[in-house]
C-alpha atoms as a PDB file:
ATOM      1  CA  UNK A   1      -1.203   2.331  -9.011  1.00  0.00           C
ATOM      2  CA  UNK A   2      -4.864   2.236  -8.014  1.00  0.00           C
ATOM      3  CA  UNK A   3      -5.883   3.431  -4.554  1.00  0.00           C
ATOM      4  CA  UNK A   4      -9.221   2.996  -2.789  1.00  0.00           C
ATOM      5  CA  UNK A   5      -9.815   4.888   0.435  1.00  0.00           C
ATOM      6  CA  UNK A   6     -12.304   3.663   2.993  1.00  0.00           C
ATOM      7  CA  UNK A   7     -14.736   6.304   4.217  1.00  0.00           C
ATOM      8  CA  UNK A   8     -16.036   6.911   7.741  1.00  0.00           C
ATOM      9  CA  UNK A   9     -18.867   4.412   7.224  1.00  0.00           C
ATOM     10  CA  UNK A  10     -16.415   1.688   6.202  1.00  0.00           C
ATOM     11  CA  UNK A  11     -17.327   1.772   2.506  1.00  0.00           C
ATOM     12  CA  UNK A  12     -14.821   1.891  -0.323  1.00  0.00           C
ATOM     13  CA  UNK A  13     -14.621   5.120  -2.284  1.00  0.00           C
ATOM     14  CA  UNK A  14     -14.126   5.168  -6.039  1.00  0.00           C
ATOM     15  CA  UNK A  15     -10.614   4.036  -7.036  1.00  0.00           C
ATOM     16  CA  UNK A  16      -8.069   6.748  -7.750  1.00  0.00           C
ATOM     17  CA  UNK A  17      -5.405   5.970 -10.341  1.00  0.00           C
ATOM     18  CA  UNK A  18      -1.938   7.413  -9.753  1.00  0.00           C
ATOM     19  CA  UNK A  19       0.115   7.581 -12.939  1.00  0.00           C
ATOM     20  CA  UNK A  20       2.439  10.526 -12.322  1.00  0.00           C
ATOM     21  CA  UNK A  21       5.989   9.183 -12.662  1.00  0.00           C
ATOM     22  CA  UNK A  22       7.377  11.362  -9.866  1.00  0.00           C
ATOM     23  CA  UNK A  23       4.697  10.193  -7.407  1.00  0.00           C
ATOM     24  CA  UNK A  24       5.167   6.572  -8.476  1.00  0.00           C
ATOM     25  CA  UNK A  25       8.908   6.879  -7.801  1.00  0.00           C
ATOM     26  CA  UNK A  26       8.290   8.365  -4.320  1.00  0.00           C
ATOM     27  CA  UNK A  27       5.818   5.571  -3.535  1.00  0.00           C
ATOM     28  CA  UNK A  28       8.213   2.946  -4.848  1.00  0.00           C
ATOM     29  CA  UNK A  29      10.957   4.219  -2.532  1.00  0.00           C
ATOM     30  CA  UNK A  30       8.535   4.161   0.418  1.00  0.00           C
ATOM     31  CA  UNK A  31       7.424   0.596  -0.372  1.00  0.00           C
ATOM     32  CA  UNK A  32      11.076  -0.518  -0.499  1.00  0.00           C
ATOM     33  CA  UNK A  33      11.331   0.479   3.187  1.00  0.00           C
ATOM     34  CA  UNK A  34       8.676  -2.027   4.320  1.00  0.00           C
ATOM     35  CA  UNK A  35      10.084  -4.539   6.799  1.00  0.00           C
ATOM     36  CA  UNK A  36       8.424  -7.783   5.726  1.00  0.00           C
ATOM     37  CA  UNK A  37       7.600 -10.724   7.959  1.00  0.00           C
ATOM     38  CA  UNK A  38       5.987 -13.727   6.312  1.00  0.00           C
ATOM     39  CA  UNK A  39       3.183 -14.339   8.802  1.00  0.00           C
ATOM     40  CA  UNK A  40      -0.575 -14.202   8.801  1.00  0.00           C
ATOM     41  CA  UNK A  41      -2.337 -11.633  10.982  1.00  0.00           C
ATOM     42  CA  UNK A  42      -5.904 -10.554  11.510  1.00  0.00           C
ATOM     43  CA  UNK A  43      -6.521  -6.861  12.011  1.00  0.00           C
ATOM     44  CA  UNK A  44      -9.227  -5.526  14.334  1.00  0.00           C
ATOM     45  CA  UNK A  45     -10.518  -2.962  11.842  1.00  0.00           C
ATOM     46  CA  UNK A  46     -10.782  -2.435   8.106  1.00  0.00           C
ATOM     47  CA  UNK A  47      -7.748  -0.952   6.372  1.00  0.00           C
ATOM     48  CA  UNK A  48      -7.538   2.785   5.810  1.00  0.00           C
ATOM     49  CA  UNK A  49      -6.963   2.122   2.139  1.00  0.00           C
ATOM     50  CA  UNK A  50      -6.332  -0.544  -0.460  1.00  0.00           C
ATOM     51  CA  UNK A  51      -3.606  -0.080  -3.043  1.00  0.00           C
ATOM     52  CA  UNK A  52      -3.066  -2.114  -6.177  1.00  0.00           C
ATOM     53  CA  UNK A  53       0.364  -1.910  -7.744  1.00  0.00           C
ATOM     54  CA  UNK A  54       1.090  -3.006 -11.295  1.00  0.00           C
ATOM     55  CA  UNK A  55       4.691  -4.194 -11.692  1.00  0.00           C
ATOM     56  CA  UNK A  56       6.375  -4.688 -15.050  1.00  0.00           C
ATOM     57  CA  UNK A  57       9.555  -6.743 -14.776  1.00  0.00           C
ATOM     58  CA  UNK A  58       9.862  -7.748 -18.423  1.00  0.00           C
ATOM     59  CA  UNK A  59       8.291  -5.954 -21.385  1.00  0.00           C
ATOM     60  CA  UNK A  60       7.522  -9.344 -22.977  1.00  0.00           C
ATOM     61  CA  UNK A  61       5.605 -10.624 -19.966  1.00  0.00           C
ATOM     62  CA  UNK A  62       2.272  -9.488 -18.530  1.00  0.00           C
ATOM     63  CA  UNK A  63       2.396  -7.082 -15.629  1.00  0.00           C
ATOM     64  CA  UNK A  64       2.231  -8.496 -12.120  1.00  0.00           C
ATOM     65  CA  UNK A  65      -0.504  -7.202  -9.830  1.00  0.00           C
ATOM     66  CA  UNK A  66       0.076  -6.973  -6.064  1.00  0.00           C
ATOM     67  CA  UNK A  67      -2.657  -5.821  -3.719  1.00  0.00           C
ATOM     68  CA  UNK A  68      -1.932  -4.109  -0.405  1.00  0.00           C
ATOM     69  CA  UNK A  69      -4.183  -3.291   2.528  1.00  0.00           C
ATOM     70  CA  UNK A  70      -2.734  -0.381   4.523  1.00  0.00           C
ATOM     71  CA  UNK A  71      -3.474   0.721   8.088  1.00  0.00           C
ATOM     72  CA  UNK A  72      -2.093   3.965   9.497  1.00  0.00           C
ATOM     73  CA  UNK A  73      -1.351   3.573  13.196  1.00  0.00           C
ATOM     74  CA  UNK A  74      -1.614   6.016  16.090  1.00  0.00           C
ATOM     75  CA  UNK A  75       2.176   6.002  16.488  1.00  0.00           C
ATOM     76  CA  UNK A  76       2.494   7.375  12.901  1.00  0.00           C
ATOM     77  CA  UNK A  77       3.727   4.064  11.445  1.00  0.00           C
ATOM     78  CA  UNK A  78       1.854   1.895   8.955  1.00  0.00           C
ATOM     79  CA  UNK A  79       0.922  -1.780   8.823  1.00  0.00           C
ATOM     80  CA  UNK A  80       0.675  -3.446   5.422  1.00  0.00           C
ATOM     81  CA  UNK A  81      -0.811  -6.788   4.424  1.00  0.00           C
ATOM     82  CA  UNK A  82      -0.263  -7.964   0.865  1.00  0.00           C
ATOM     83  CA  UNK A  83      -1.397 -10.829  -1.331  1.00  0.00           C
ATOM     84  CA  UNK A  84       2.244 -11.558  -2.188  1.00  0.00           C
ATOM     85  CA  UNK A  85       2.957 -15.031  -0.799  1.00  0.00           C
ATOM     86  CA  UNK A  86       6.539 -14.155   0.209  1.00  0.00           C
ATOM     87  CA  UNK A  87       5.753 -10.748   1.708  1.00  0.00           C
ATOM     88  CA  UNK A  88       2.392 -11.039   3.418  1.00  0.00           C
ATOM     89  CA  UNK A  89       2.786  -8.772   6.486  1.00  0.00           C
ATOM     90  CA  UNK A  90       4.895  -5.674   6.817  1.00  0.00           C
ATOM     91  CA  UNK A  91       5.515  -2.562   8.833  1.00  0.00           C
ATOM     92  CA  UNK A  92       6.600   0.849   7.699  1.00  0.00           C
ATOM     93  CA  UNK A  93       8.469   3.426   9.760  1.00  0.00           C
ATOM     94  CA  UNK A  94       7.174   6.935  10.467  1.00  0.00           C
ATOM     95  CA  UNK A  95       9.016   8.686   7.643  1.00  0.00           C
ATOM     96  CA  UNK A  96       7.892   6.269   4.922  1.00  0.00           C
ATOM     97  CA  UNK A  97       4.364   6.095   6.358  1.00  0.00           C
ATOM     98  CA  UNK A  98       4.225   9.899   6.149  1.00  0.00           C
ATOM     99  CA  UNK A  99       5.158   9.687   2.454  1.00  0.00           C
ATOM    100  CA  UNK A 100       2.242   7.296   1.871  1.00  0.00           C
ATOM    101  CA  UNK A 101      -0.153   9.535   3.782  1.00  0.00           C
ATOM    102  CA  UNK A 102       0.944  12.657   1.864  1.00  0.00           C
ATOM    103  CA  UNK A 103       0.456  10.990  -1.507  1.00  0.00           C
ATOM    104  CA  UNK A 104      -2.341   8.460  -1.017  1.00  0.00           C
ATOM    105  CA  UNK A 105      -4.656  10.286   1.393  1.00  0.00           C
ATOM    106  CA  UNK A 106      -4.547  13.718  -0.224  1.00  0.00           C
END
C-alpha cells in the first residue's frame, strides 16, 4: 500500500509505502467495513490522504491497483472515494476510521 498525505498547504507529501504484513491485515479489515454506495460526489476540500492498494487475486495475473481518496470527518468517521467503478463512494464508522488514522497518519 502506498499512502500520500496532504500537508497544510494542500500539497502532497512524498509517498509512504506500507509493507508490514500485520499493518496490511489491520488495514484490510478496516477497508472491509466501508459501506459502499455507487454514486458520484464532489467534496468541498482536498482529501486528507490518498492511498493506493495493490490487490493480488491470482498469482498468474497482474496485480490490480485501486486508488482511494480519504477524508477524516469532524464526527470521527471517514469518507472514501475510489476509482473502483462498483464501489465509488463509501463511509467508514468511527472505529474503523480510527484504525486508518492510527496507521496511515502516524
